[in-house]
Protein backbone atom coordinates (compact mmCIF):
# COMPACT_ATOMS: atom_id res chain seq x y z
CA MET A 1 -19.74 9.62 12.50
CA ASP A 2 -16.82 11.93 13.03
CA PHE A 3 -13.30 11.69 11.66
CA SER A 4 -11.89 10.22 14.88
CA THR A 5 -13.90 7.03 14.24
CA ILE A 6 -12.29 6.56 10.83
CA ASN A 7 -8.90 7.46 12.27
CA LEU A 8 -9.28 4.89 15.06
CA LEU A 9 -10.30 2.17 12.60
CA SER A 10 -7.18 2.94 10.58
CA ARG A 11 -4.97 2.84 13.67
CA TYR A 12 -6.45 -0.47 14.85
CA ALA A 13 -5.84 -1.92 11.38
CA LYS A 14 -2.19 -0.84 11.45
CA GLU A 15 -1.72 -2.12 14.98
CA TYR A 16 -3.27 -5.52 14.16
CA GLY A 17 -0.44 -6.66 11.96
CA HIS A 18 2.39 -4.50 13.24
CA ALA A 19 4.07 -7.19 15.39
CA ARG A 20 3.78 -9.84 12.65
CA ILE A 21 5.21 -7.44 10.07
CA ARG A 22 8.14 -6.61 12.34
CA ALA A 23 8.69 -10.31 13.04
CA ALA A 24 9.11 -10.80 9.28
CA GLY A 25 12.04 -8.38 9.47
CA ILE A 26 10.50 -5.53 7.52
CA THR A 27 9.00 -2.15 8.34
CA ASP A 28 5.36 -1.25 7.80
CA THR A 29 6.31 0.84 4.76
CA GLU A 30 8.40 -1.99 3.32
CA HIS A 31 5.45 -4.34 3.86
CA ARG A 32 3.15 -2.05 1.91
CA ILE A 33 5.68 -1.75 -0.90
CA CYS A 34 6.40 -5.51 -1.07
CA THR A 35 2.69 -6.31 -1.05
CA PHE A 36 2.08 -3.83 -3.87
CA ILE A 37 4.94 -5.23 -5.95
CA HIS A 38 3.75 -8.78 -5.22
CA PHE A 39 0.34 -8.02 -6.72
CA HIS A 40 1.49 -5.66 -9.50
CA SER A 41 4.04 -7.24 -11.78
CA ASP A 42 6.12 -4.78 -13.75
CA ALA A 43 5.67 -2.05 -11.16
CA TYR A 44 8.04 0.89 -11.09
CA GLN A 45 9.02 3.39 -8.41
CA ASP A 46 6.66 6.23 -9.36
CA MET A 47 3.76 3.79 -9.64
CA VAL A 48 4.44 2.51 -6.11
CA ALA A 49 4.72 6.02 -4.67
CA ASN A 50 1.52 7.20 -6.34
CA ALA A 51 -0.56 4.11 -5.59
CA LEU A 52 0.45 4.01 -1.93
CA MET A 53 0.46 7.80 -1.55
CA LEU A 54 4.01 7.74 -0.25
CA ASP A 55 6.72 10.33 -0.69
CA LYS A 56 9.09 9.42 -3.54
CA THR A 57 12.11 9.75 -1.26
CA THR A 58 10.57 7.35 1.27
CA VAL A 59 9.91 4.83 -1.49
CA ALA A 60 13.43 5.23 -2.90
CA LYS A 61 15.04 4.58 0.50
CA ALA A 62 12.80 1.58 1.17
CA LEU A 63 13.55 0.12 -2.27
CA VAL A 64 17.30 0.43 -1.68
CA SER A 65 16.93 -1.37 1.64
CA LEU A 66 14.71 -4.09 0.17
CA GLU A 67 17.08 -4.60 -2.76
CA GLU A 68 20.15 -4.78 -0.51
CA ARG A 69 18.43 -7.57 1.47
CA GLY A 70 17.51 -9.41 -1.71
CA LEU A 71 13.74 -9.02 -1.26
CA ILE A 72 13.17 -7.15 -4.52
CA LYS A 73 15.13 -6.61 -7.68
CA ARG A 74 15.21 -3.82 -10.21
CA VAL A 75 15.56 -4.50 -13.91
CA ARG A 76 16.04 -1.71 -16.42
CA ASN A 77 12.92 -1.31 -18.55
CA PRO A 78 14.01 -1.96 -22.15
CA GLU A 79 11.22 0.30 -23.44
CA ASN A 80 12.07 3.20 -21.12
CA ARG A 81 15.63 3.16 -19.84
CA ARG A 82 14.85 5.81 -17.21
CA LYS A 83 12.56 3.41 -15.34
CA ASN A 84 13.38 0.22 -13.48
CA ILE A 85 10.84 -2.58 -13.33
CA LEU A 86 10.43 -3.82 -9.76
CA THR A 87 9.84 -7.45 -8.98
CA ILE A 88 9.67 -9.31 -5.72
CA THR A 89 12.25 -12.07 -5.39
CA ASP A 90 11.61 -15.56 -4.08
CA ALA A 91 13.21 -14.46 -0.80
CA GLY A 92 10.86 -11.47 -0.75
CA LYS A 93 7.82 -13.68 -1.35
CA GLU A 94 8.94 -15.97 1.46
CA ALA A 95 9.41 -13.01 3.81
CA ILE A 96 5.88 -11.69 3.25
CA ILE A 97 3.92 -14.89 2.56
CA ASP A 98 2.38 -14.95 6.03
CA ILE A 99 1.64 -11.23 6.12
CA VAL A 100 0.74 -10.31 2.54
CA GLY A 101 -2.99 -10.51 3.30
CA ILE A 102 -2.87 -9.21 6.84
CA SER A 103 -5.03 -6.16 6.10
CA ASP A 104 -7.67 -8.30 4.42
CA GLU A 105 -7.55 -10.67 7.39
CA TRP A 106 -8.15 -7.78 9.80
CA LEU A 107 -11.01 -6.39 7.72
CA GLU A 108 -12.65 -9.81 7.50
CA LYS A 109 -12.54 -10.12 11.30
CA VAL A 110 -13.92 -6.62 11.81
CA GLU A 111 -16.68 -7.11 9.24
CA SER A 112 -17.76 -10.34 10.91
CA CYS A 113 -20.26 -8.34 12.96
CA LEU A 114 -22.09 -7.33 9.75
CA SER A 115 -24.56 -9.31 7.68
CA ASP A 116 -23.69 -10.08 4.05
CA GLN A 117 -26.02 -7.29 2.93
CA GLU A 118 -24.44 -4.82 5.35
CA LYS A 119 -20.97 -5.81 4.09
CA GLU A 120 -22.04 -5.10 0.51
CA GLN A 121 -23.47 -1.73 1.55
CA PHE A 122 -20.35 -0.92 3.54
CA HIS A 123 -18.10 -1.73 0.57
CA SER A 124 -20.32 0.32 -1.72
CA TYR A 125 -20.21 3.29 0.66
CA CYS A 126 -16.44 3.02 1.03
CA LEU A 127 -15.96 3.00 -2.74
CA ARG A 128 -18.17 6.08 -3.09
CA LEU A 129 -16.27 7.85 -0.32
CA LEU A 130 -12.96 6.90 -1.90
CA GLU A 131 -14.04 8.30 -5.28
CA LYS A 132 -15.11 11.54 -3.63
CA ALA A 133 -11.82 11.73 -1.71
CA LYS A 134 -9.89 11.28 -4.96
CA GLU A 135 -11.98 13.99 -6.62
CA ILE A 136 -11.34 16.42 -3.76
CA ASN A 137 -7.62 15.63 -3.85
CA GLU A 138 -7.42 16.17 -7.61
CA GLN A 139 -9.25 19.50 -7.27
CA ARG A 140 -6.87 20.53 -4.51
CA ILE A 141 -3.82 19.61 -6.58
CA SER A 142 -5.11 21.41 -9.67
CA THR A 143 -5.64 24.65 -7.73
CA VAL A 144 -2.22 24.72 -6.05
CA PRO A 145 0.00 27.26 -7.85
CA LYS A 146 3.07 25.68 -9.45
CA ILE A 147 6.46 26.95 -8.39
CA GLU A 148 8.71 27.49 -11.36
């Protein structure tokens, strides 16, 4: 398998839910952020950026937009005043309720051509590949000279 196969799978996954995400009145990035916050109570901005591998500026802009529309709220963390705890509002939950599991829905449809044993193997292989990817990324980051 070459990289273009993985890239195409990723593109098909994004395309699958794109129209439904837009119909909910949010961008793809906002969808990812809302879904993360929905499943991770007491999330904060850096956590979102790191977990989703998004630029901090992109996350900051999206959070401002989501907050202005009443889809999320920020509450000052009493234990660390420099961080705001992010929570999804009832309006935010309502906006994403039909699309929160769209990626899982797509994967379930794609995996339907595999047997249960093949699905287990596939998941196992993906987890191993993900761990290796993380390791490579951490090695890359640790060897990049810091600008001071």
